[in-house]
N, C-alpha and C. Protein backbone atom coordinates (compact mmCIF):
# COMPACT_ATOMS: atom_id res chain seq x y z
N MET A 1 1.10 -1.31 0.33
CA MET A 1 -0.14 -0.03 -0.06
C MET A 1 1.06 1.15 -0.04
N ALA A 2 0.44 2.57 -0.70
CA ALA A 2 1.54 3.31 -0.70
C ALA A 2 1.13 4.39 0.28
N THR A 3 2.27 4.87 0.46
CA THR A 3 2.04 6.03 1.93
C THR A 3 1.11 7.21 1.51
N ARG A 4 1.10 8.26 2.04
CA ARG A 4 0.22 9.34 1.70
C ARG A 4 1.19 10.50 0.81
N GLU A 5 2.67 10.37 1.34
CA GLU A 5 3.49 10.71 0.21
C GLU A 5 3.72 10.41 -0.64
N GLN A 6 3.67 9.16 -1.15
CA GLN A 6 3.36 8.08 -2.32
C GLN A 6 2.57 8.97 -3.05
N ARG A 7 1.37 8.88 -2.40
CA ARG A 7 -0.19 9.41 -3.34
C ARG A 7 0.33 10.72 -3.72
N TYR A 8 0.73 11.57 -2.60
CA TYR A 8 0.53 12.94 -3.39
C TYR A 8 1.71 13.11 -4.30
N ALA A 9 2.71 12.29 -4.43
CA ALA A 9 3.56 12.46 -5.13
C ALA A 9 2.74 11.90 -6.61
N ALA A 10 2.30 11.01 -7.16
CA ALA A 10 1.80 10.27 -7.94
C ALA A 10 0.49 11.63 -8.90
N ILE A 11 -0.10 11.78 -7.65
CA ILE A 11 -1.18 12.94 -8.32
C ILE A 11 -0.29 14.33 -8.51
N ALA A 12 0.58 14.66 -7.91
CA ALA A 12 1.55 15.72 -8.65
C ALA A 12 2.17 15.26 -9.66
N ALA A 13 2.24 13.83 -10.25
CA ALA A 13 3.17 14.22 -11.40
C ALA A 13 2.09 13.82 -12.55
N LYS A 14 0.88 13.54 -12.12
CA LYS A 14 -0.38 13.86 -12.78
C LYS A 14 -0.82 15.32 -13.62
N MET A 15 -0.73 15.86 -12.31
CA MET A 15 -1.11 17.31 -12.34
C MET A 15 -0.09 18.26 -13.48
N ARG A 16 1.22 18.01 -13.20
CA ARG A 16 2.25 18.29 -14.05
C ARG A 16 1.88 17.91 -15.53
N CYS A 17 1.61 16.82 -15.60
CA CYS A 17 0.94 16.62 -17.23
C CYS A 17 -0.23 17.10 -18.05
N GLN A 18 -1.00 17.44 -17.20
CA GLN A 18 -2.64 18.10 -17.47
C GLN A 18 -2.22 19.51 -17.95
N GLN A 19 -3.19 19.68 -18.97
CA GLN A 19 -3.11 21.08 -19.34
C GLN A 19 -4.67 21.62 -18.69
N ILE A 20 -4.26 22.51 -18.17
CA ILE A 20 -5.44 23.28 -16.71
C ILE A 20 -5.72 24.25 -17.87
N PRO A 21 -6.99 24.28 -18.33
CA PRO A 21 -7.84 25.37 -18.81
C PRO A 21 -7.91 26.71 -18.20
N ASP A 22 -8.21 27.71 -18.94
CA ASP A 22 -8.29 28.98 -18.15
C ASP A 22 -9.54 29.33 -17.77
N LEU A 23 -10.35 28.63 -17.21
CA LEU A 23 -11.74 28.37 -16.47
C LEU A 23 -11.50 28.50 -15.03
N PRO A 24 -12.42 29.20 -14.51
CA PRO A 24 -12.35 29.43 -12.83
C PRO A 24 -12.20 27.94 -12.66
N LEU A 25 -10.96 28.23 -11.17
CA LEU A 25 -10.67 26.95 -10.58
C LEU A 25 -11.40 26.57 -9.65
N LYS A 26 -11.63 25.16 -9.36
CA LYS A 26 -12.35 24.56 -8.76
C LYS A 26 -11.64 24.35 -7.24
N HIS A 27 -12.97 24.50 -6.10
CA HIS A 27 -11.89 24.45 -4.86
C HIS A 27 -11.39 23.21 -4.58
N GLU A 28 -11.80 22.14 -5.30
CA GLU A 28 -11.15 20.95 -5.20
C GLU A 28 -9.32 21.16 -5.61
N TRP A 29 -9.43 21.69 -6.44
CA TRP A 29 -7.90 21.81 -7.09
C TRP A 29 -7.28 22.91 -5.98
N LEU A 30 -7.74 23.82 -5.50
CA LEU A 30 -7.10 24.49 -4.68
C LEU A 30 -6.86 23.62 -3.41
N GLU A 31 -7.65 23.21 -3.01
CA GLU A 31 -7.68 22.43 -1.52
C GLU A 31 -6.22 21.41 -1.89
N LEU A 32 -6.36 20.72 -3.02
CA LEU A 32 -5.03 19.97 -3.26
C LEU A 32 -3.99 20.70 -3.07
N LEU A 33 -3.75 21.82 -3.97
CA LEU A 33 -2.73 22.56 -3.84
C LEU A 33 -2.66 23.21 -2.79
N THR A 34 -2.93 23.31 -1.60
CA THR A 34 -2.81 23.90 -0.51
C THR A 34 -2.38 22.81 0.53
N ARG A 35 -2.87 21.46 0.32
CA ARG A 35 -2.45 20.46 1.29
C ARG A 35 -1.26 20.13 0.58
N LEU A 36 -0.71 19.99 -0.33
CA LEU A 36 0.48 19.83 -0.93
C LEU A 36 1.83 20.94 -0.71
N SER A 37 1.09 22.00 -0.67
CA SER A 37 2.14 23.37 -0.10
C SER A 37 2.60 22.81 1.60
N ARG A 38 1.43 22.43 2.07
CA ARG A 38 1.94 21.93 3.74
C ARG A 38 2.46 20.61 4.05
N GLN A 39 3.09 20.36 2.89
CA GLN A 39 3.37 18.90 3.11
C GLN A 39 5.11 19.20 4.17
N ASP A 40 5.38 17.82 4.49
CA ASP A 40 6.60 17.95 5.18
C ASP A 40 7.76 17.75 3.90
N ASP A 41 7.34 17.01 2.92
CA ASP A 41 8.49 16.91 1.91
C ASP A 41 8.65 17.78 1.15
N ASP A 42 9.72 18.35 0.67
CA ASP A 42 10.11 19.72 0.13
C ASP A 42 10.00 19.70 -1.13
N GLN A 43 9.93 18.45 -2.31
CA GLN A 43 9.20 18.60 -3.54
C GLN A 43 7.80 18.27 -3.58
N LEU A 44 7.22 18.03 -2.96
CA LEU A 44 5.82 18.47 -2.70
C LEU A 44 5.32 19.78 -2.40
N ARG A 45 6.00 20.10 -1.09
CA ARG A 45 5.91 21.59 -0.77
C ARG A 45 5.81 22.65 -1.97
N GLU A 46 7.40 22.68 -2.45
CA GLU A 46 7.82 23.40 -3.25
C GLU A 46 6.43 23.51 -4.81
N LEU A 47 6.33 21.86 -5.13
CA LEU A 47 5.18 21.67 -6.08
C LEU A 47 3.90 22.59 -5.88
N GLY A 48 3.57 22.25 -4.67
CA GLY A 48 2.22 23.31 -4.07
C GLY A 48 2.38 24.93 -4.31
N ILE A 49 3.45 25.13 -3.32
CA ILE A 49 3.49 26.63 -3.64
C ILE A 49 3.36 27.04 -4.72
N THR A 50 4.49 26.53 -5.74
CA THR A 50 4.62 26.74 -7.11
C THR A 50 3.27 27.10 -8.19
N GLU A 51 2.61 26.05 -7.99
CA GLU A 51 1.29 25.77 -8.69
C GLU A 51 0.19 26.68 -8.14
N LEU A 52 0.13 27.14 -6.83
CA LEU A 52 -0.44 27.96 -6.24
C LEU A 52 0.12 29.32 -6.34
N ARG A 53 1.09 29.56 -7.01
CA ARG A 53 1.78 31.04 -7.56
C ARG A 53 0.90 30.98 -9.02
N ILE A 54 1.11 30.06 -9.54
CA ILE A 54 0.51 29.90 -10.90
C ILE A 54 -1.07 30.21 -11.12
N CYS A 55 -1.59 30.10 -10.34
CA CYS A 55 -2.99 29.90 -10.18
C CYS A 55 -3.26 31.39 -9.89
N ALA A 56 -2.53 32.02 -8.73
CA ALA A 56 -2.88 33.41 -8.31
C ALA A 56 -2.13 34.46 -9.59
N ASP A 57 -1.35 34.12 -10.34
CA ASP A 57 -1.01 34.81 -11.39
C ASP A 57 -1.92 34.79 -12.49
N ARG A 58 -2.30 33.75 -13.01
CA ARG A 58 -3.13 33.92 -13.61
C ARG A 58 -4.75 34.21 -13.73
N ALA A 59 -5.27 34.21 -12.16
CA ALA A 59 -6.32 34.65 -11.61
C ALA A 59 -6.35 36.17 -11.55
N THR A 60 -5.19 36.91 -11.38
CA THR A 60 -4.83 38.27 -11.47
C THR A 60 -5.01 38.92 -12.84
N ARG A 61 -4.29 37.91 -13.80
CA ARG A 61 -4.14 38.11 -15.16
C ARG A 61 -5.62 38.11 -15.55
N ASN A 62 -6.27 37.20 -15.43
CA ASN A 62 -7.72 37.30 -16.33
C ASN A 62 -9.00 38.62 -15.48
N CYS A 63 -8.56 39.01 -14.51
CA CYS A 63 -9.21 39.80 -13.71
C CYS A 63 -8.75 41.35 -14.71
N HIS A 64 -7.76 41.33 -14.91
CA HIS A 64 -7.09 42.69 -15.41
C HIS A 64 -7.57 42.59 -16.87
N ASP A 65 -7.67 41.92 -17.38
CA ASP A 65 -7.93 41.76 -18.82
C ASP A 65 -8.90 42.68 -19.61
């Protein structure tokens, strides 16, 4: 059975491969990124933080278009 960190790592790998449309983000996506950004694992935490920044930049850009 996979550990929580392994499951999150698998989810993160899938996230990197997905094209995210410019639609409003769903709360589940933000919740997942928030959980990743709070992980003890440095790579998972960095991935979560990076993706949250991208989401914030995209939201800001869409608001000012």
